[in-house]
Protein backbone atom coordinates (compact mmCIF):
# COMPACT_ATOMS: atom_id res chain seq x y z
CA MET A 1 120.21 98.00 79.95
CA LEU A 2 121.35 99.21 83.34
CA LYS A 3 124.10 97.30 85.09
CA VAL A 4 125.92 97.26 88.42
CA GLY A 5 128.30 100.24 88.59
CA ASP A 6 126.04 102.51 86.49
CA LYS A 7 124.76 105.78 87.90
CA ALA A 8 121.14 105.22 88.92
CA PRO A 9 118.73 107.22 86.72
CA ASP A 10 117.30 110.26 88.46
CA PHE A 11 113.60 110.07 89.18
CA VAL A 12 110.81 112.09 90.69
CA GLY A 13 107.43 110.53 91.44
CA LYS A 14 104.45 110.93 93.75
CA ASN A 15 103.85 108.59 96.64
CA GLN A 16 100.57 107.35 98.12
CA ASP A 17 100.03 110.75 99.80
CA GLY A 18 100.75 112.82 96.69
CA GLU A 19 104.18 113.84 98.04
CA GLU A 20 107.16 113.95 95.68
CA ILE A 21 109.92 111.40 96.14
CA SER A 22 113.17 111.74 94.21
CA LEU A 23 116.47 109.91 94.03
CA GLU A 24 118.10 113.14 95.23
CA GLN A 25 116.40 112.73 98.63
CA PHE A 26 118.41 109.55 99.24
CA LYS A 27 121.89 111.04 98.70
CA GLY A 28 124.15 109.68 101.42
CA LYS A 29 121.79 106.77 102.10
CA LYS A 30 121.44 103.29 100.65
CA LEU A 31 118.19 102.73 98.76
CA VAL A 32 116.28 99.59 97.84
CA LEU A 33 114.16 100.61 94.84
CA TYR A 34 111.83 97.76 93.96
CA PHE A 35 109.50 97.47 91.00
CA TYR A 36 106.43 95.26 91.19
CA PRO A 37 103.44 94.62 88.90
CA LYS A 38 100.30 95.33 90.93
CA ASP A 39 99.00 96.18 94.40
CA ASN A 40 97.09 93.45 96.24
CA THR A 41 98.07 90.55 93.99
CA PRO A 42 99.48 87.41 95.67
CA GLY A 43 103.13 87.76 94.59
CA CYS A 44 103.29 91.52 95.11
CA THR A 45 101.67 91.23 98.53
CA ALA A 46 104.12 88.47 99.55
CA GLU A 47 107.05 90.63 98.41
CA ALA A 48 105.83 93.78 100.17
CA CYS A 49 105.06 91.87 103.39
CA ASP A 50 108.49 90.19 103.36
CA LEU A 51 110.12 93.64 103.08
CA ARG A 52 107.80 94.92 105.85
CA ASP A 53 108.61 91.99 108.15
CA ASN A 54 112.34 92.66 107.74
CA TYR A 55 112.10 96.46 107.73
CA GLU A 56 114.04 96.89 110.98
CA ARG A 57 116.91 94.84 109.52
CA PHE A 58 116.98 97.18 106.50
CA LEU A 59 117.02 100.26 108.73
CA SER A 60 119.80 98.77 110.88
CA ALA A 61 121.85 98.17 107.72
CA GLY A 62 121.30 101.79 106.62
CA TYR A 63 118.74 101.15 103.87
CA LYS A 64 115.61 103.02 102.86
CA ILE A 65 112.96 101.19 100.80
CA VAL A 66 110.73 102.57 98.05
CA GLY A 67 108.37 100.54 95.87
CA VAL A 68 107.22 101.51 92.38
CA SER A 69 104.33 100.30 90.23
CA LYS A 70 101.89 101.90 87.81
CA ASP A 71 99.02 101.72 90.29
CA SER A 72 97.41 105.00 91.39
CA GLU A 73 98.18 106.90 94.61
CA LYS A 74 94.76 105.81 95.92
CA SER A 75 95.51 102.13 95.20
CA HIS A 76 98.90 102.45 96.92
CA LYS A 77 97.33 104.09 99.97
CA LYS A 78 94.85 101.19 100.35
CA PHE A 79 97.64 98.61 99.83
CA ILE A 80 99.81 100.28 102.49
CA GLU A 81 96.94 100.53 104.98
CA LYS A 82 95.75 96.96 104.40
CA HIS A 83 99.22 95.45 104.92
CA ASN A 84 100.69 98.04 107.31
CA LEU A 85 103.63 98.82 105.02
CA PRO A 86 106.20 101.17 106.61
CA PHE A 87 107.71 102.44 103.34
CA PRO A 88 106.41 104.66 100.51
CA LEU A 89 105.12 103.46 97.14
CA ILE A 90 105.47 105.60 94.03
CA ALA A 91 102.54 105.78 91.60
CA ASP A 92 104.30 105.76 88.20
CA THR A 93 101.12 105.90 86.12
CA GLU A 94 102.99 107.43 83.15
CA LEU A 95 105.66 104.64 83.22
CA VAL A 96 108.52 107.18 83.32
CA ILE A 97 110.49 105.62 86.20
CA LEU A 98 109.59 102.07 85.12
CA LYS A 99 111.06 102.68 81.66
CA ALA A 100 114.14 104.52 83.01
CA TYR A 101 114.95 101.44 85.11
CA ASP A 102 114.19 98.88 82.37
CA ALA A 103 111.26 97.60 84.47
CA TRP A 104 108.72 97.90 81.67
CA GLY A 105 108.82 95.51 78.74
CA ARG A 106 107.74 92.32 77.03
CA LYS A 107 106.51 89.58 79.35
CA LYS A 108 105.13 86.08 78.90
CA PHE A 109 102.38 84.68 81.08
CA MET A 110 100.44 81.48 80.42
CA GLY A 111 101.59 81.44 76.79
CA ARG A 112 100.55 85.04 76.17
CA GLU A 113 102.96 87.89 75.40
CA PHE A 114 102.25 91.45 76.50
CA ASP A 115 103.92 94.64 77.75
CA GLY A 116 104.00 95.00 81.51
CA ILE A 117 106.01 95.64 84.64
CA ILE A 118 109.04 93.42 85.07
CA ARG A 119 109.56 92.61 88.74
CA LYS A 120 113.10 93.66 89.71
CA THR A 121 114.97 95.43 92.46
CA PHE A 122 117.84 97.91 92.41
CA VAL A 123 120.12 98.48 95.38
CA ILE A 124 121.56 101.98 95.07
CA ASP A 125 124.52 103.09 97.18
CA GLN A 126 125.09 106.39 99.00
CA GLU A 127 126.65 107.92 95.87
CA GLY A 128 123.67 107.10 93.65
CA VAL A 129 125.43 104.17 91.94
CA ILE A 130 123.72 100.84 91.31
CA ALA A 131 125.33 98.36 93.72
CA ASP A 132 123.10 95.37 92.87
CA ILE A 133 120.26 94.39 90.57
CA ILE A 134 117.98 91.49 91.48
CA GLU A 135 116.14 90.24 88.40
CA LYS A 136 114.95 86.87 89.67
CA VAL A 137 112.98 88.08 92.65
CA LYS A 138 111.76 85.44 95.10
CA THR A 139 108.74 87.26 96.50
CA LYS A 140 108.59 85.41 99.84
CA GLU A 141 112.38 85.62 100.40
CA HIS A 142 113.20 88.96 98.85
CA SER A 143 114.75 90.50 101.96
CA ALA A 144 117.24 87.64 102.13
CA GLN A 145 118.17 88.23 98.48
CA ILE A 146 118.91 91.89 99.20
CA LEU A 147 120.58 91.55 102.61
CA LYS A 148 122.70 88.52 101.63
């Protein structure tokens, strides 16, 4: 399990436009890397829109934002366009980044157990070190949890 103070795992993934995004691109910048279950679902939409609505505050504080789910590039593109999201979303269809960040695992929902994406957020500092991990994400107040 990753913890605060650990070096963030390197990653490379494709965004909604098929462009590669890697941790290396954020050297010298603070990064909010958030993992969410599915495009266009109520909780994930609330979370993305809260981050969108506070995007200028993140930029002012020196943060970049990147979202990750196992949805396709096409799904991400529609999600971004529908909700006017100003940040990229990585399509991790092979679960490589999700597993590297412990965001894939056993979940319980309505009495059923299954493997799926665990909603969580990592704040990574300019040196590539995990500065914070938010595991109990409040989708409608997520920006406040990060910018506290």
